[in-house]
Amino acid sequence: MPMSRELTFALLAAFCFGVAPIFEKLGLARTDAAVALFLRAGVTTVLVVIYWLLFPQMGGWTMPDGRSLVYILLGGVFGVLFAQYFYFKALAIGDVGRVMPIVGSFPVLAFLLSALILGEAVTVMKVVGILLVVVGVFLLGE
């Protein structure tokens, strides 16, 4: 049975998120978290611009409406600026095996907020999954 596109992309993202901390931990040994964040954001910006220039048909550029833009920018401030900075600070002083499970516990908060703010369904399977995340964070954080 062929894998769905969403599963393929999710697995590729998981792979990249799994590999990145190793490089970041090595890089943070001799630099500050703020410098690392600046470099990461700069390189990412350059690569995205190059992608758009080389493959314009792959992702058209249309400006979102005002409300969508605010939400996207807020997501960037929390998900990229603050989260990445705190993540780099933790990674610089902690073990990858301890920091990553804690950082990776974000689905717990996302699940709660998605139910409260977005009205997404709370199912038994989702609650069990969240409980497993919490148990996993606890076990790996020891």
C-alpha atoms as a PDB file:
ATOM      1  CA  MET A   1       0.000   0.000   0.000  1.00  0.00           C
ATOM      2  CA  PRO A   2       1.509   3.353  -1.005  1.00  0.00           C
ATOM      3  CA  MET A   3       2.283   5.891   1.681  1.00  0.00           C
ATOM      4  CA  SER A   4       0.117   9.024   1.739  1.00  0.00           C
ATOM      5  CA  ARG A   5       1.745  12.335   0.889  1.00  0.00           C
ATOM      6  CA  GLU A   6       0.996  13.694   4.337  1.00  0.00           C
ATOM      7  CA  LEU A   7       2.708  10.715   5.988  1.00  0.00           C
ATOM      8  CA  THR A   8       5.682  11.012   3.632  1.00  0.00           C
ATOM      9  CA  PHE A   9       6.163  14.696   4.465  1.00  0.00           C
ATOM     10  CA  ALA A  10       5.620  14.074   8.183  1.00  0.00           C
ATOM     11  CA  LEU A  11       8.284  11.339   8.194  1.00  0.00           C
ATOM     12  CA  LEU A  12      10.711  13.523   6.254  1.00  0.00           C
ATOM     13  CA  ALA A  13      10.116  16.343   8.762  1.00  0.00           C
ATOM     14  CA  ALA A  14      10.641  13.937  11.673  1.00  0.00           C
ATOM     15  CA  PHE A  15      13.897  12.752  10.110  1.00  0.00           C
ATOM     16  CA  CYS A  16      15.134  16.328   9.645  1.00  0.00           C
ATOM     17  CA  PHE A  17      14.072  17.302  13.184  1.00  0.00           C
ATOM     18  CA  GLY A  18      15.938  14.238  14.447  1.00  0.00           C
ATOM     19  CA  VAL A  19      19.184  14.987  12.612  1.00  0.00           C
ATOM     20  CA  ALA A  20      19.286  18.771  13.163  1.00  0.00           C
ATOM     21  CA  PRO A  21      19.941  18.720  16.937  1.00  0.00           C
ATOM     22  CA  ILE A  22      23.167  16.788  16.472  1.00  0.00           C
ATOM     23  CA  PHE A  23      24.582  19.475  14.175  1.00  0.00           C
ATOM     24  CA  GLU A  24      23.173  22.239  16.373  1.00  0.00           C
ATOM     25  CA  LYS A  25      24.656  20.809  19.566  1.00  0.00           C
ATOM     26  CA  LEU A  26      28.064  20.596  17.884  1.00  0.00           C
ATOM     27  CA  GLY A  27      27.733  24.159  16.563  1.00  0.00           C
ATOM     28  CA  LEU A  28      26.561  25.595  19.876  1.00  0.00           C
ATOM     29  CA  ALA A  29      29.731  24.394  21.584  1.00  0.00           C
ATOM     30  CA  ARG A  30      31.516  27.542  20.410  1.00  0.00           C
ATOM     31  CA  THR A  31      28.829  30.158  19.831  1.00  0.00           C
ATOM     32  CA  ASP A  32      25.927  31.891  21.525  1.00  0.00           C
ATOM     33  CA  ALA A  33      22.294  30.854  21.028  1.00  0.00           C
ATOM     34  CA  ALA A  34      21.356  34.269  19.612  1.00  0.00           C
ATOM     35  CA  VAL A  35      24.139  34.080  17.018  1.00  0.00           C
ATOM     36  CA  ALA A  36      23.080  30.552  16.091  1.00  0.00           C
ATOM     37  CA  LEU A  37      19.472  31.683  15.712  1.00  0.00           C
ATOM     38  CA  PHE A  38      20.522  34.592  13.489  1.00  0.00           C
ATOM     39  CA  LEU A  39      22.643  32.316  11.286  1.00  0.00           C
ATOM     40  CA  ARG A  40      19.923  29.681  11.035  1.00  0.00           C
ATOM     41  CA  ALA A  41      17.274  32.252  10.096  1.00  0.00           C
ATOM     42  CA  GLY A  42      19.577  33.902   7.567  1.00  0.00           C
ATOM     43  CA  VAL A  43      20.518  30.672   5.829  1.00  0.00           C
ATOM     44  CA  THR A  44      16.896  29.543   5.785  1.00  0.00           C
ATOM     45  CA  THR A  45      15.797  32.836   4.232  1.00  0.00           C
ATOM     46  CA  VAL A  46      18.452  32.650   1.521  1.00  0.00           C
ATOM     47  CA  LEU A  47      17.563  29.029   0.698  1.00  0.00           C
ATOM     48  CA  VAL A  48      13.837  29.794   0.485  1.00  0.00           C
ATOM     49  CA  VAL A  49      14.494  32.732  -1.864  1.00  0.00           C
ATOM     50  CA  ILE A  50      16.722  30.540  -4.057  1.00  0.00           C
ATOM     51  CA  TYR A  51      14.007  27.864  -4.090  1.00  0.00           C
ATOM     52  CA  TRP A  52      11.382  30.379  -5.216  1.00  0.00           C
ATOM     53  CA  LEU A  53      13.679  31.699  -7.930  1.00  0.00           C
ATOM     54  CA  LEU A  54      14.594  28.254  -9.262  1.00  0.00           C
ATOM     55  CA  PHE A  55      11.158  26.654  -8.962  1.00  0.00           C
ATOM     56  CA  PRO A  56       8.531  29.400  -9.259  1.00  0.00           C
ATOM     57  CA  GLN A  57       5.904  26.893 -10.373  1.00  0.00           C
ATOM     58  CA  MET A  58       6.288  24.890  -7.135  1.00  0.00           C
ATOM     59  CA  GLY A  59       5.017  27.547  -4.753  1.00  0.00           C
ATOM     60  CA  GLY A  60       3.391  30.692  -6.041  1.00  0.00           C
ATOM     61  CA  TRP A  61       3.807  33.866  -4.052  1.00  0.00           C
ATOM     62  CA  THR A  62       0.528  35.395  -2.984  1.00  0.00           C
ATOM     63  CA  MET A  63       0.316  37.729  -0.015  1.00  0.00           C
ATOM     64  CA  PRO A  64      -2.128  36.498   2.632  1.00  0.00           C
ATOM     65  CA  ASP A  65      -4.939  38.709   3.885  1.00  0.00           C
ATOM     66  CA  GLY A  66      -4.294  40.891   6.942  1.00  0.00           C
ATOM     67  CA  ARG A  67      -5.628  38.497   9.579  1.00  0.00           C
ATOM     68  CA  SER A  68      -3.784  35.511   8.102  1.00  0.00           C
ATOM     69  CA  LEU A  69      -0.593  37.555   7.942  1.00  0.00           C
ATOM     70  CA  VAL A  70      -0.872  38.469  11.636  1.00  0.00           C
ATOM     71  CA  TYR A  71      -1.404  34.819  12.589  1.00  0.00           C
ATOM     72  CA  ILE A  72       1.515  33.667  10.442  1.00  0.00           C
ATOM     73  CA  LEU A  73       3.793  36.338  11.906  1.00  0.00           C
ATOM     74  CA  LEU A  74       2.735  35.450  15.465  1.00  0.00           C
ATOM     75  CA  GLY A  75       3.450  31.804  14.670  1.00  0.00           C
ATOM     76  CA  GLY A  76       6.883  32.850  13.464  1.00  0.00           C
ATOM     77  CA  VAL A  77       7.592  34.893  16.574  1.00  0.00           C
ATOM     78  CA  PHE A  78       6.637  32.032  18.883  1.00  0.00           C
ATOM     79  CA  GLY A  79       7.736  29.065  16.747  1.00  0.00           C
ATOM     80  CA  VAL A  80      10.906  30.458  15.247  1.00  0.00           C
ATOM     81  CA  LEU A  81      12.166  33.352  17.321  1.00  0.00           C
ATOM     82  CA  PHE A  82      11.284  32.438  20.908  1.00  0.00           C
ATOM     83  CA  ALA A  83      11.123  28.643  20.620  1.00  0.00           C
ATOM     84  CA  GLN A  84      14.341  28.358  18.639  1.00  0.00           C
ATOM     85  CA  TYR A  85      16.195  30.717  20.965  1.00  0.00           C
ATOM     86  CA  PHE A  86      15.107  28.833  24.098  1.00  0.00           C
ATOM     87  CA  TYR A  87      15.807  25.530  22.343  1.00  0.00           C
ATOM     88  CA  PHE A  88      19.342  26.634  21.453  1.00  0.00           C
ATOM     89  CA  LYS A  89      19.942  27.867  25.010  1.00  0.00           C
ATOM     90  CA  ALA A  90      18.810  24.500  26.415  1.00  0.00           C
ATOM     91  CA  LEU A  91      20.792  22.532  23.837  1.00  0.00           C
ATOM     92  CA  ALA A  92      23.955  24.532  24.498  1.00  0.00           C
ATOM     93  CA  ILE A  93      23.978  23.539  28.173  1.00  0.00           C
ATOM     94  CA  GLY A  94      22.109  20.232  28.172  1.00  0.00           C
ATOM     95  CA  ASP A  95      22.302  16.778  26.656  1.00  0.00           C
ATOM     96  CA  VAL A  96      20.514  16.258  23.333  1.00  0.00           C
ATOM     97  CA  GLY A  97      18.873  13.132  24.745  1.00  0.00           C
ATOM     98  CA  ARG A  98      17.374  15.117  27.605  1.00  0.00           C
ATOM     99  CA  VAL A  99      16.562  18.396  25.854  1.00  0.00           C
ATOM    100  CA  MET A 100      14.894  16.980  22.739  1.00  0.00           C
ATOM    101  CA  PRO A 101      12.146  14.972  24.461  1.00  0.00           C
ATOM    102  CA  ILE A 102      11.185  18.010  26.511  1.00  0.00           C
ATOM    103  CA  VAL A 103      11.219  20.302  23.475  1.00  0.00           C
ATOM    104  CA  GLY A 104       9.334  17.589  21.606  1.00  0.00           C
ATOM    105  CA  SER A 105       6.518  17.684  24.148  1.00  0.00           C
ATOM    106  CA  PHE A 106       4.965  20.659  22.349  1.00  0.00           C
ATOM    107  CA  PRO A 107       2.131  18.464  20.980  1.00  0.00           C
ATOM    108  CA  VAL A 108       0.632  18.453  24.484  1.00  0.00           C
ATOM    109  CA  LEU A 109       0.136  22.227  24.496  1.00  0.00           C
ATOM    110  CA  ALA A 110      -0.811  22.278  20.804  1.00  0.00           C
ATOM    111  CA  PHE A 111      -3.460  19.605  21.469  1.00  0.00           C
ATOM    112  CA  LEU A 112      -4.961  21.542  24.386  1.00  0.00           C
ATOM    113  CA  LEU A 113      -4.952  24.864  22.536  1.00  0.00           C
ATOM    114  CA  SER A 114      -6.357  23.327  19.347  1.00  0.00           C
ATOM    115  CA  ALA A 115      -9.305  21.982  21.329  1.00  0.00           C
ATOM    116  CA  LEU A 116      -9.869  25.212  23.287  1.00  0.00           C
ATOM    117  CA  ILE A 117      -9.238  27.805  20.576  1.00  0.00           C
ATOM    118  CA  LEU A 118      -9.863  26.003  17.285  1.00  0.00           C
ATOM    119  CA  GLY A 119     -12.618  23.698  18.511  1.00  0.00           C
ATOM    120  CA  GLU A 120     -10.864  20.585  17.237  1.00  0.00           C
ATOM    121  CA  ALA A 121     -12.234  17.252  18.402  1.00  0.00           C
ATOM    122  CA  VAL A 122     -10.894  15.616  21.554  1.00  0.00           C
ATOM    123  CA  THR A 123     -10.984  11.861  21.042  1.00  0.00           C
ATOM    124  CA  VAL A 124      -9.945   8.958  23.211  1.00  0.00           C
ATOM    125  CA  MET A 125      -7.130   8.096  20.804  1.00  0.00           C
ATOM    126  CA  LYS A 126      -5.788  11.662  20.869  1.00  0.00           C
ATOM    127  CA  VAL A 127      -5.862  11.721  24.681  1.00  0.00           C
ATOM    128  CA  VAL A 128      -4.051   8.363  24.796  1.00  0.00           C
ATOM    129  CA  GLY A 129      -1.475   9.727  22.342  1.00  0.00           C
ATOM    130  CA  ILE A 130      -0.904  12.824  24.464  1.00  0.00           C
ATOM    131  CA  LEU A 131      -0.523  10.669  27.577  1.00  0.00           C
ATOM    132  CA  LEU A 132       2.072   8.573  25.741  1.00  0.00           C
ATOM    133  CA  VAL A 133       3.961  11.747  24.805  1.00  0.00           C
ATOM    134  CA  VAL A 134       3.977  12.829  28.453  1.00  0.00           C
ATOM    135  CA  VAL A 135       5.165   9.397  29.624  1.00  0.00           C
ATOM    136  CA  GLY A 136       7.835   9.365  26.905  1.00  0.00           C
ATOM    137  CA  VAL A 137       9.116  12.795  27.897  1.00  0.00           C
ATOM    138  CA  PHE A 138       9.283  11.692  31.510  1.00  0.00           C
ATOM    139  CA  LEU A 139      11.128   8.461  30.671  1.00  0.00           C
ATOM    140  CA  LEU A 140      13.615  10.058  28.273  1.00  0.00           C
ATOM    141  CA  GLY A 141      14.196  13.045  30.532  1.00  0.00           C
ATOM    142  CA  GLU A 142      15.532  10.904  33.373  1.00  0.00           C
END
